[in-house]
Amino acid sequence: MKAPTNPKAALISLMRWCAVGERAESDAQRKLKKWGIDETESIQILIHLKKEGYINPNRYLKSFINDKLKFERWGRVKIAYELQKKGYDTNDIQIAFSSSNFATYKDDLLSLLQRKSETFERPFTKAQKVKLVNFALSRGYEMPLVMDCLRAIDK
C-alpha cells in the first residue's frame, strides 16, 4: 500500500484496507501515524471508519480470537495478552471469549503435545515433561489444562 499524502487519500486507503479483513483501531492509528497524517485528522478518519462500519471492535475481537484458535492454535492466555497489547479492555476480551467456540480447545492442546512428544520415549523424563509444559505455556494454554493433557499422553 502506497503511503497517502493527504487525509482524503488516507481515508480511502484505510477504507480499502479495512474492507479486506477485520482491523483493530490501533492498527489503523499506527498506519495513519506512519503516513504522517495529523493527529486531529487521524481522529476524524477513525471516527468516520467506525461510523461507516469499517472498524468494529466487537467484530474484530471475535474474529481475532477465532482465527488464533483455529489457525495458530493459541491458548486463551496468549490471545488475551495480544489483544491487551492492541489496547483492548480486559472486560471486552472476556465478553468476546464467552461468545467464542472452545469446543476443540483441549483436543487441540492434546494434539499439539502429542506431535511435539513424538520423538520422546515413554514414560517421559522430567526434562522432557518440562519441555512439553514450556511449549504449551508459550502457546498460551493454562497450566492446569496443560498438566491434564500431559498426564493423558504420558501413558
Protein backbone atom coordinates (compact mmCIF):
# COMPACT_ATOMS: atom_id res chain seq x y z
CA MET A 1 0.00 0.00 0.00
CA LYS A 2 1.50 3.31 -1.13
CA ALA A 3 1.60 5.93 1.62
CA PRO A 4 -1.11 8.54 1.02
CA THR A 5 -0.09 12.18 1.19
CA ASN A 6 -3.34 13.77 2.40
CA PRO A 7 -6.20 12.87 4.77
CA LYS A 8 -8.71 12.16 1.97
CA ALA A 9 -6.34 9.68 0.32
CA ALA A 10 -5.56 8.15 3.73
CA LEU A 11 -9.27 7.64 4.39
CA ILE A 12 -9.75 5.93 1.02
CA SER A 13 -6.70 3.72 1.57
CA LEU A 14 -7.85 2.72 5.04
CA MET A 15 -11.37 2.00 3.78
CA ARG A 16 -9.93 -0.39 1.20
CA TRP A 17 -7.60 -1.96 3.76
CA CYS A 18 -10.40 -2.44 6.31
CA ALA A 19 -12.72 -3.88 3.66
CA VAL A 20 -10.29 -6.74 3.03
CA GLY A 21 -10.38 -8.03 6.61
CA GLU A 22 -11.12 -7.13 10.20
CA ARG A 23 -8.74 -4.49 11.55
CA ALA A 24 -8.06 -3.12 15.01
CA GLU A 25 -8.36 0.59 15.61
CA SER A 26 -4.80 0.62 16.97
CA ASP A 27 -3.51 -0.85 13.70
CA ALA A 28 -5.28 1.88 11.73
CA GLN A 29 -3.88 4.53 14.10
CA ARG A 30 -0.39 3.13 13.59
CA LYS A 31 -0.77 3.37 9.81
CA LEU A 32 -2.00 6.95 9.98
CA LYS A 33 0.93 7.93 12.19
CA LYS A 34 3.37 6.17 9.85
CA TRP A 35 1.88 8.08 6.91
CA GLY A 36 2.39 11.36 8.74
CA ILE A 37 -1.29 12.28 8.99
CA ASP A 38 -2.02 14.97 11.62
CA GLU A 39 -3.47 13.67 14.90
CA THR A 40 -6.72 15.65 14.70
CA GLU A 41 -7.28 14.47 11.13
CA SER A 42 -6.45 10.92 12.21
CA ILE A 43 -9.13 11.07 14.89
CA GLN A 44 -11.68 12.27 12.33
CA ILE A 45 -10.70 9.47 9.93
CA LEU A 46 -11.04 6.84 12.67
CA ILE A 47 -14.45 8.22 13.71
CA HIS A 48 -15.59 8.01 10.09
CA LEU A 49 -14.30 4.43 9.74
CA LYS A 50 -16.17 3.38 12.90
CA LYS A 51 -19.36 5.18 11.90
CA GLU A 52 -19.36 3.54 8.46
CA GLY A 53 -18.67 0.09 9.96
CA TYR A 54 -15.17 -0.41 8.58
CA ILE A 55 -13.81 -0.72 12.11
CA ASN A 56 -15.86 -2.57 14.70
CA PRO A 57 -14.11 -3.57 17.95
CA ASN A 58 -16.52 -6.38 18.86
CA ARG A 59 -16.34 -7.90 15.40
CA TYR A 60 -12.53 -7.62 15.44
CA LEU A 61 -12.25 -9.28 18.86
CA LYS A 62 -14.37 -12.25 17.79
CA SER A 63 -12.50 -12.59 14.52
CA PHE A 64 -9.07 -12.37 16.16
CA ILE A 65 -9.96 -14.95 18.81
CA ASN A 66 -11.46 -17.39 16.31
CA ASP A 67 -8.54 -17.04 13.88
CA LYS A 68 -5.90 -17.56 16.56
CA LEU A 69 -7.75 -20.56 17.98
CA LYS A 70 -8.38 -22.18 14.63
CA PHE A 71 -5.27 -21.40 12.61
CA GLU A 72 -2.50 -20.61 15.09
CA ARG A 73 -3.82 -22.89 17.84
CA TRP A 74 -3.03 -20.38 20.55
CA GLY A 75 -4.34 -20.62 24.09
CA ARG A 76 -6.52 -18.14 25.92
CA VAL A 77 -3.60 -16.52 27.78
CA LYS A 78 -1.64 -15.63 24.66
CA ILE A 79 -4.72 -14.41 22.80
CA ALA A 80 -5.73 -12.17 25.72
CA TYR A 81 -2.18 -10.82 26.01
CA GLU A 82 -2.01 -9.93 22.32
CA LEU A 83 -5.39 -8.20 22.46
CA GLN A 84 -4.32 -6.22 25.53
CA LYS A 85 -1.22 -5.11 23.60
CA LYS A 86 -3.59 -3.77 20.93
CA GLY A 87 -5.34 -1.70 23.60
CA TYR A 88 -8.49 -3.72 24.25
CA ASP A 89 -10.06 -3.75 27.70
CA THR A 90 -9.95 -6.98 29.71
CA ASN A 91 -13.75 -6.97 30.14
CA ASP A 92 -14.28 -6.68 26.37
CA ILE A 93 -11.84 -9.55 25.82
CA GLN A 94 -13.68 -11.74 28.35
CA ILE A 95 -17.03 -10.99 26.68
CA ALA A 96 -15.56 -11.96 23.30
CA PHE A 97 -14.12 -15.16 24.81
CA SER A 98 -17.54 -16.09 26.19
CA SER A 99 -19.07 -15.89 22.72
CA SER A 100 -16.27 -17.91 21.09
CA ASN A 101 -16.27 -21.63 20.39
CA PHE A 102 -13.84 -23.54 22.60
CA ALA A 103 -15.26 -26.99 21.79
CA THR A 104 -11.96 -28.35 20.48
CA TYR A 105 -9.69 -26.36 22.81
CA LYS A 106 -8.48 -29.32 24.90
CA ASP A 107 -8.25 -31.59 21.86
CA ASP A 108 -6.10 -29.00 20.09
CA LEU A 109 -3.70 -28.89 23.03
CA LEU A 110 -3.61 -32.70 23.19
CA SER A 111 -2.70 -32.97 19.52
CA LEU A 112 -0.04 -30.25 19.84
CA LEU A 113 1.57 -32.04 22.77
CA GLN A 114 1.35 -35.44 21.07
CA ARG A 115 3.00 -34.12 17.94
CA LYS A 116 5.71 -32.36 19.98
CA SER A 117 6.38 -35.50 22.02
CA GLU A 118 6.65 -37.97 19.11
CA THR A 119 10.43 -38.12 19.42
CA PHE A 120 10.35 -38.67 23.18
CA GLU A 121 10.45 -42.13 24.77
CA ARG A 122 7.68 -43.07 27.16
CA PRO A 123 7.44 -42.61 30.09
CA PHE A 124 8.68 -39.05 29.83
CA THR A 125 11.71 -37.94 31.79
CA LYS A 126 11.41 -34.87 33.99
CA ALA A 127 13.35 -32.79 31.44
CA GLN A 128 11.02 -33.88 28.63
CA LYS A 129 7.96 -33.00 30.71
CA VAL A 130 9.43 -29.57 31.39
CA LYS A 131 9.97 -29.04 27.65
CA LEU A 132 6.39 -30.03 26.88
CA VAL A 133 4.99 -27.81 29.63
CA ASN A 134 7.07 -24.83 28.49
CA PHE A 135 5.97 -25.41 24.90
CA ALA A 136 2.28 -25.44 25.86
CA LEU A 137 2.65 -22.41 28.12
CA SER A 138 4.42 -20.49 25.36
CA ARG A 139 1.40 -21.19 23.16
CA GLY A 140 -0.78 -19.57 25.83
CA TYR A 141 -2.50 -22.56 27.38
CA GLU A 142 -3.36 -22.62 31.08
CA MET A 143 -1.19 -24.67 33.47
CA PRO A 144 -3.98 -26.93 34.89
CA LEU A 145 -5.10 -27.85 31.37
CA VAL A 146 -1.51 -28.45 30.28
CA MET A 147 -0.93 -30.81 33.21
CA ASP A 148 -4.17 -32.71 32.47
CA CYS A 149 -3.18 -33.20 28.85
CA LEU A 150 0.37 -34.15 29.76
CA ARG A 151 -0.94 -36.87 32.10
CA ALA A 152 -3.24 -38.11 29.34
CA ILE A 153 -0.44 -38.57 26.78
CA ASP A 154 2.18 -39.90 29.26
CA LYS A 155 0.74 -43.39 29.45
